[in-house]
Amino acid sequence: VQLVESGGGLAQPGGSLRLSCTASGFAFSNYAMSWARQAPGKGLEWVSGIFTDGTTTWDSTSVKGRFTISRDNAANTLYLQMDSLKPEDTAMYYCAKAKAPHTKVILTDSTDYDYWGRGTQVTVSS
């Protein structure tokens, strides 16, 4: 199993970035996927998640209305569209694969995930 994030970088406040997570080594379409982030000196925050159907999603209150998670099961890729970025969005962003297939509940515990990418850095600053 491999998860590789990309798309991070430097953005100005109010700007946008689109993160991608390319998956391989497992049946991507059978697993819920999520994005989490960790800012320097802070704990892990679950940002957004998406079920296997590609239409059922959830978002943390801190990003609701600004971030949009999506997936392309044919391309084995997870996305996070981040708009109206704020300095407090600065963090390392990780994609994670749910441990169990066909999960239909929101997963916000690290023990619910078995594989993680190495992360992509997002910095929001003027």
N, C-alpha and C. Protein backbone atom coordinates (compact mmCIF):
# COMPACT_ATOMS: atom_id res chain seq x y z
N VAL A 1 0.85 -1.19 0.00
CA VAL A 1 0.00 0.00 0.00
C VAL A 1 0.89 1.24 0.00
N GLN A 2 0.53 2.17 -0.84
CA GLN A 2 1.26 3.43 -0.89
C GLN A 2 0.29 4.58 -1.09
N LEU A 3 0.49 5.64 -0.32
CA LEU A 3 -0.27 6.87 -0.45
C LEU A 3 0.72 8.01 -0.62
N VAL A 4 0.57 8.77 -1.69
CA VAL A 4 1.52 9.85 -1.97
C VAL A 4 0.75 11.15 -2.17
N GLU A 5 0.98 12.09 -1.25
CA GLU A 5 0.34 13.40 -1.33
C GLU A 5 1.15 14.35 -2.19
N SER A 6 0.45 15.28 -2.81
CA SER A 6 1.11 16.35 -3.57
C SER A 6 0.20 17.56 -3.61
N GLY A 7 0.74 18.67 -4.07
CA GLY A 7 -0.05 19.87 -4.24
C GLY A 7 0.10 20.93 -3.18
N GLY A 8 0.85 20.63 -2.15
CA GLY A 8 1.07 21.62 -1.12
C GLY A 8 1.98 22.74 -1.60
N GLY A 9 2.13 23.74 -0.77
CA GLY A 9 2.99 24.86 -1.11
C GLY A 9 2.62 26.09 -0.33
N LEU A 10 3.05 27.22 -0.84
CA LEU A 10 2.79 28.51 -0.20
C LEU A 10 1.61 29.20 -0.87
N ALA A 11 0.67 29.65 -0.07
CA ALA A 11 -0.48 30.38 -0.59
C ALA A 11 -0.71 31.61 0.27
N GLN A 12 -1.29 32.62 -0.32
CA GLN A 12 -1.63 33.83 0.42
C GLN A 12 -2.98 33.63 1.11
N PRO A 13 -3.20 34.34 2.19
CA PRO A 13 -4.53 34.31 2.81
C PRO A 13 -5.62 34.64 1.79
N GLY A 14 -6.67 33.84 1.80
CA GLY A 14 -7.72 34.01 0.82
C GLY A 14 -7.50 33.23 -0.45
N GLY A 15 -6.33 32.65 -0.59
CA GLY A 15 -6.01 31.90 -1.79
C GLY A 15 -6.49 30.46 -1.74
N SER A 16 -6.08 29.70 -2.75
CA SER A 16 -6.53 28.31 -2.89
C SER A 16 -5.37 27.39 -3.20
N LEU A 17 -5.54 26.16 -2.80
CA LEU A 17 -4.63 25.07 -3.17
C LEU A 17 -5.46 23.82 -3.36
N ARG A 18 -4.97 22.91 -4.18
CA ARG A 18 -5.63 21.63 -4.36
C ARG A 18 -4.64 20.51 -4.07
N LEU A 19 -4.92 19.75 -3.04
CA LEU A 19 -4.08 18.62 -2.69
C LEU A 19 -4.57 17.36 -3.39
N SER A 20 -3.63 16.49 -3.73
CA SER A 20 -3.95 15.19 -4.30
C SER A 20 -3.27 14.11 -3.49
N CYS A 21 -3.89 12.95 -3.48
CA CYS A 21 -3.31 11.78 -2.81
C CYS A 21 -3.50 10.60 -3.77
N THR A 22 -2.39 10.13 -4.31
CA THR A 22 -2.45 9.01 -5.24
C THR A 22 -2.23 7.72 -4.48
N ALA A 23 -3.15 6.79 -4.66
CA ALA A 23 -3.13 5.54 -3.90
C ALA A 23 -2.77 4.37 -4.80
N SER A 24 -2.11 3.40 -4.21
CA SER A 24 -1.77 2.18 -4.94
C SER A 24 -1.63 1.03 -3.96
N GLY A 25 -1.78 -0.19 -4.48
CA GLY A 25 -1.54 -1.37 -3.67
C GLY A 25 -2.76 -1.91 -2.94
N PHE A 26 -3.91 -1.30 -3.17
CA PHE A 26 -5.14 -1.80 -2.56
C PHE A 26 -6.33 -1.35 -3.41
N ALA A 27 -7.49 -1.92 -3.12
CA ALA A 27 -8.71 -1.58 -3.88
C ALA A 27 -9.26 -0.25 -3.37
N PHE A 28 -8.76 0.81 -3.93
CA PHE A 28 -9.07 2.18 -3.46
C PHE A 28 -10.57 2.42 -3.31
N SER A 29 -11.35 1.96 -4.25
CA SER A 29 -12.78 2.26 -4.26
C SER A 29 -13.53 1.60 -3.10
N ASN A 30 -12.90 0.67 -2.40
CA ASN A 30 -13.56 -0.04 -1.30
C ASN A 30 -13.34 0.58 0.06
N TYR A 31 -12.56 1.65 0.12
CA TYR A 31 -12.18 2.20 1.42
C TYR A 31 -12.49 3.68 1.55
N ALA A 32 -13.05 4.03 2.70
CA ALA A 32 -13.17 5.44 3.03
C ALA A 32 -11.77 6.03 3.18
N MET A 33 -11.67 7.31 2.85
CA MET A 33 -10.40 8.00 2.92
C MET A 33 -10.60 9.33 3.64
N SER A 34 -9.54 9.82 4.23
CA SER A 34 -9.63 11.08 4.95
C SER A 34 -8.36 11.91 4.79
N TRP A 35 -8.51 13.17 5.10
CA TRP A 35 -7.37 14.09 5.21
C TRP A 35 -7.26 14.53 6.67
N ALA A 36 -6.05 14.55 7.15
CA ALA A 36 -5.76 15.07 8.48
C ALA A 36 -4.60 16.05 8.36
N ARG A 37 -4.44 16.89 9.35
CA ARG A 37 -3.34 17.86 9.32
C ARG A 37 -2.74 18.01 10.71
N GLN A 38 -1.50 18.43 10.72
CA GLN A 38 -0.82 18.69 11.98
C GLN A 38 0.04 19.93 11.84
N ALA A 39 -0.29 20.92 12.63
CA ALA A 39 0.49 22.15 12.67
C ALA A 39 1.63 21.99 13.66
N PRO A 40 2.70 22.76 13.48
CA PRO A 40 3.84 22.66 14.41
C PRO A 40 3.42 22.85 15.86
N GLY A 41 3.78 21.91 16.70
CA GLY A 41 3.48 22.02 18.12
C GLY A 41 2.06 21.68 18.50
N LYS A 42 1.27 21.22 17.53
CA LYS A 42 -0.12 20.90 17.81
C LYS A 42 -0.41 19.43 17.49
N GLY A 43 -1.54 18.98 17.97
CA GLY A 43 -1.94 17.61 17.73
C GLY A 43 -2.55 17.42 16.35
N LEU A 44 -2.84 16.17 16.03
CA LEU A 44 -3.44 15.84 14.75
C LEU A 44 -4.89 16.29 14.71
N GLU A 45 -5.28 16.92 13.62
CA GLU A 45 -6.67 17.35 13.44
C GLU A 45 -7.22 16.67 12.19
N TRP A 46 -8.36 16.00 12.36
CA TRP A 46 -9.03 15.41 11.21
C TRP A 46 -9.79 16.50 10.47
N VAL A 47 -9.54 16.61 9.18
CA VAL A 47 -10.05 17.73 8.39
C VAL A 47 -11.30 17.35 7.62
N SER A 48 -11.19 16.32 6.79
CA SER A 48 -12.30 15.91 5.93
C SER A 48 -12.21 14.43 5.64
N GLY A 49 -13.37 13.84 5.38
CA GLY A 49 -13.39 12.43 5.03
C GLY A 49 -14.44 12.17 3.96
N ILE A 50 -14.29 11.05 3.28
CA ILE A 50 -15.22 10.70 2.21
C ILE A 50 -15.42 9.20 2.18
N PHE A 51 -16.68 8.80 2.01
CA PHE A 51 -16.99 7.38 1.96
C PHE A 51 -16.74 6.84 0.55
N THR A 52 -16.91 5.55 0.40
CA THR A 52 -16.58 4.91 -0.86
C THR A 52 -17.46 5.37 -2.02
N ASP A 53 -18.68 5.82 -1.70
CA ASP A 53 -19.57 6.23 -2.78
C ASP A 53 -19.15 7.53 -3.45
N GLY A 54 -18.24 8.24 -2.81
CA GLY A 54 -17.74 9.48 -3.39
C GLY A 54 -18.64 10.68 -3.19
N THR A 55 -19.81 10.48 -2.60
CA THR A 55 -20.74 11.60 -2.41
C THR A 55 -20.99 11.91 -0.94
N THR A 56 -20.78 10.95 -0.07
CA THR A 56 -20.96 11.18 1.36
C THR A 56 -19.65 11.65 1.95
N THR A 57 -19.68 12.86 2.49
CA THR A 57 -18.46 13.46 3.03
C THR A 57 -18.73 14.07 4.40
N TRP A 58 -17.66 14.36 5.09
CA TRP A 58 -17.77 15.10 6.35
C TRP A 58 -16.59 16.05 6.45
N ASP A 59 -16.76 17.14 7.17
CA ASP A 59 -15.71 18.13 7.35
C ASP A 59 -15.67 18.60 8.80
N SER A 60 -14.50 18.98 9.24
CA SER A 60 -14.39 19.57 10.57
C SER A 60 -14.98 20.98 10.53
N THR A 61 -15.39 21.47 11.67
CA THR A 61 -16.00 22.80 11.71
C THR A 61 -15.00 23.88 11.29
N SER A 62 -13.72 23.62 11.47
CA SER A 62 -12.71 24.62 11.15
C SER A 62 -12.54 24.83 9.65
N VAL A 63 -12.97 23.87 8.84
CA VAL A 63 -12.79 24.00 7.39
C VAL A 63 -14.11 23.96 6.62
N LYS A 64 -15.19 23.74 7.33
CA LYS A 64 -16.50 23.60 6.68
C LYS A 64 -16.82 24.83 5.85
N GLY A 65 -17.22 24.60 4.61
CA GLY A 65 -17.56 25.69 3.72
C GLY A 65 -16.37 26.24 2.95
N ARG A 66 -15.17 25.82 3.31
CA ARG A 66 -13.96 26.30 2.63
C ARG A 66 -13.21 25.18 1.92
N PHE A 67 -13.23 24.00 2.49
CA PHE A 67 -12.53 22.85 1.91
C PHE A 67 -13.55 21.88 1.34
N THR A 68 -13.16 21.22 0.25
CA THR A 68 -14.02 20.21 -0.37
C THR A 68 -13.20 18.97 -0.67
N ILE A 69 -13.62 17.86 -0.10
CA ILE A 69 -12.96 16.59 -0.37
C ILE A 69 -13.69 15.88 -1.50
N SER A 70 -12.92 15.19 -2.33
CA SER A 70 -13.52 14.41 -3.41
C SER A 70 -12.59 13.25 -3.74
N ARG A 71 -13.08 12.35 -4.56
CA ARG A 71 -12.27 11.20 -4.95
C ARG A 71 -12.61 10.78 -6.36
N ASP A 72 -11.63 10.24 -7.03
CA ASP A 72 -11.81 9.66 -8.36
C ASP A 72 -11.40 8.19 -8.24
N ASN A 73 -12.38 7.33 -8.09
CA ASN A 73 -12.08 5.92 -7.87
C ASN A 73 -11.41 5.29 -9.10
N ALA A 74 -11.72 5.77 -10.27
CA ALA A 74 -11.09 5.22 -11.48
C ALA A 74 -9.61 5.57 -11.54
N ALA A 75 -9.26 6.70 -10.97
CA ALA A 75 -7.87 7.16 -10.99
C ALA A 75 -7.15 6.88 -9.67
N ASN A 76 -7.84 6.23 -8.73
CA ASN A 76 -7.24 5.93 -7.42
C ASN A 76 -6.66 7.18 -6.75
N THR A 77 -7.41 8.24 -6.79
CA THR A 77 -6.89 9.52 -6.29
C THR A 77 -7.91 10.21 -5.39
N LEU A 78 -7.41 10.74 -4.32
CA LEU A 78 -8.18 11.53 -3.36
C LEU A 78 -7.76 12.99 -3.50
N TYR A 79 -8.71 13.90 -3.37
CA TYR A 79 -8.41 15.32 -3.51
C TYR A 79 -8.90 16.11 -2.30
N LEU A 80 -8.29 17.26 -2.10
CA LEU A 80 -8.78 18.23 -1.14
C LEU A 80 -8.63 19.62 -1.75
N GLN A 81 -9.75 20.19 -2.14
CA GLN A 81 -9.76 21.57 -2.65
C GLN A 81 -9.88 22.51 -1.47
N MET A 82 -8.90 23.38 -1.32
CA MET A 82 -8.85 24.29 -0.19
C MET A 82 -8.98 25.72 -0.69
N ASP A 83 -10.06 26.36 -0.34
CA ASP A 83 -10.32 27.74 -0.74
C ASP A 83 -10.37 28.63 0.50
N SER A 84 -10.31 29.92 0.26
CA SER A 84 -10.36 30.90 1.35
C SER A 84 -9.39 30.52 2.47
N LEU A 85 -8.19 30.23 2.07
CA LEU A 85 -7.19 29.77 3.04
C LEU A 85 -6.88 30.84 4.08
N LYS A 86 -6.60 30.36 5.30
CA LYS A 86 -6.27 31.23 6.42
C LYS A 86 -4.90 30.84 6.95
N PRO A 87 -4.20 31.75 7.61
CA PRO A 87 -2.89 31.39 8.18
C PRO A 87 -2.98 30.17 9.11
N GLU A 88 -4.09 30.03 9.79
CA GLU A 88 -4.25 28.89 10.71
C GLU A 88 -4.42 27.56 9.99
N ASP A 89 -4.53 27.58 8.67
CA ASP A 89 -4.55 26.33 7.90
C ASP A 89 -3.14 25.79 7.65
N THR A 90 -2.14 26.56 8.02
CA THR A 90 -0.75 26.12 7.84
C THR A 90 -0.50 24.85 8.64
N ALA A 91 -0.07 23.81 7.94
CA ALA A 91 0.15 22.51 8.58
C ALA A 91 0.69 21.53 7.56
N MET A 92 1.12 20.38 8.06
CA MET A 92 1.41 19.25 7.19
C MET A 92 0.10 18.49 7.00
N TYR A 93 -0.24 18.21 5.77
CA TYR A 93 -1.48 17.53 5.46
C TYR A 93 -1.20 16.09 5.03
N TYR A 94 -1.96 15.18 5.61
CA TYR A 94 -1.80 13.76 5.34
C TYR A 94 -3.09 13.16 4.82
N CYS A 95 -2.98 12.22 3.89
CA CYS A 95 -4.15 11.41 3.56
C CYS A 95 -4.00 10.07 4.28
N ALA A 96 -5.15 9.48 4.58
CA ALA A 96 -5.15 8.24 5.35
C ALA A 96 -6.23 7.31 4.82
N LYS A 97 -5.93 6.01 4.88
CA LYS A 97 -6.84 4.97 4.41
C LYS A 97 -7.52 4.30 5.61
N ALA A 98 -8.83 4.17 5.53
CA ALA A 98 -9.57 3.48 6.59
C ALA A 98 -9.11 2.03 6.68
N LYS A 99 -9.11 1.51 7.90
CA LYS A 99 -8.65 0.15 8.12
C LYS A 99 -9.64 -0.87 7.57
N ALA A 100 -10.93 -0.63 7.76
CA ALA A 100 -11.96 -1.58 7.34
C ALA A 100 -12.58 -1.12 6.02
N PRO A 101 -12.94 -2.04 5.15
CA PRO A 101 -13.58 -1.66 3.89
C PRO A 101 -15.04 -1.26 4.08
N HIS A 102 -15.51 -0.43 3.17
CA HIS A 102 -16.92 -0.04 3.12
C HIS A 102 -17.43 0.58 4.43
N THR A 103 -16.59 1.34 5.08
CA THR A 103 -16.99 2.02 6.31
C THR A 103 -18.08 3.04 6.02
N LYS A 104 -19.10 3.05 6.87
CA LYS A 104 -20.21 3.98 6.70
C LYS A 104 -20.35 4.92 7.89
N VAL A 105 -19.31 5.05 8.68
CA VAL A 105 -19.33 5.97 9.81
C VAL A 105 -18.15 6.91 9.71
N ILE A 106 -18.28 8.07 10.32
CA ILE A 106 -17.20 9.05 10.32
C ILE A 106 -16.08 8.55 11.23
N LEU A 107 -14.90 8.56 10.71
CA LEU A 107 -13.74 8.05 11.44
C LEU A 107 -12.82 9.19 11.80
N THR A 108 -12.66 9.44 13.10
CA THR A 108 -11.77 10.51 13.55
C THR A 108 -10.82 10.03 14.64
N ASP A 109 -10.52 8.75 14.60
CA ASP A 109 -9.55 8.18 15.52
C ASP A 109 -8.44 7.55 14.69
N SER A 110 -7.22 7.85 15.07
CA SER A 110 -6.09 7.33 14.29
C SER A 110 -6.09 5.81 14.19
N THR A 111 -6.65 5.14 15.17
CA THR A 111 -6.66 3.68 15.16
C THR A 111 -7.63 3.12 14.12
N ASP A 112 -8.46 3.98 13.55
CA ASP A 112 -9.38 3.55 12.49
C ASP A 112 -8.70 3.52 11.12
N TYR A 113 -7.45 3.97 11.07
CA TYR A 113 -6.72 4.05 9.81
C TYR A 113 -5.47 3.18 9.89
N ASP A 114 -5.12 2.58 8.75
CA ASP A 114 -3.95 1.71 8.79
C ASP A 114 -2.80 2.16 7.89
N TYR A 115 -3.06 3.06 6.97
CA TYR A 115 -1.97 3.56 6.13
C TYR A 115 -2.10 5.07 5.96
N TRP A 116 -0.93 5.71 5.96
CA TRP A 116 -0.85 7.16 5.85
C TRP A 116 0.19 7.52 4.79
N GLY A 117 0.01 8.66 4.17
CA GLY A 117 1.06 9.18 3.32
C GLY A 117 2.11 9.90 4.15
N ARG A 118 3.13 10.40 3.48
CA ARG A 118 4.20 11.12 4.18
C ARG A 118 3.85 12.58 4.40
N GLY A 119 2.82 13.05 3.73
CA GLY A 119 2.36 14.41 3.96
C GLY A 119 2.85 15.41 2.92
N THR A 120 2.13 16.50 2.82
CA THR A 120 2.51 17.63 1.97
C THR A 120 2.30 18.90 2.78
N GLN A 121 3.27 19.78 2.76
CA GLN A 121 3.24 20.99 3.58
C GLN A 121 2.41 22.08 2.92
N VAL A 122 1.53 22.65 3.69
CA VAL A 122 0.75 23.81 3.26
C VAL A 122 1.10 24.98 4.18
N THR A 123 1.50 26.08 3.58
CA THR A 123 1.83 27.29 4.33
C THR A 123 1.01 28.44 3.78
N VAL A 124 0.28 29.08 4.66
CA VAL A 124 -0.55 30.22 4.27
C VAL A 124 0.02 31.47 4.94
N SER A 125 0.53 32.34 4.12
CA SER A 125 1.20 33.53 4.65
C SER A 125 1.26 34.60 3.57
N SER A 126 1.21 35.84 4.01
CA SER A 126 1.36 36.95 3.07
C SER A 126 2.82 37.40 3.00
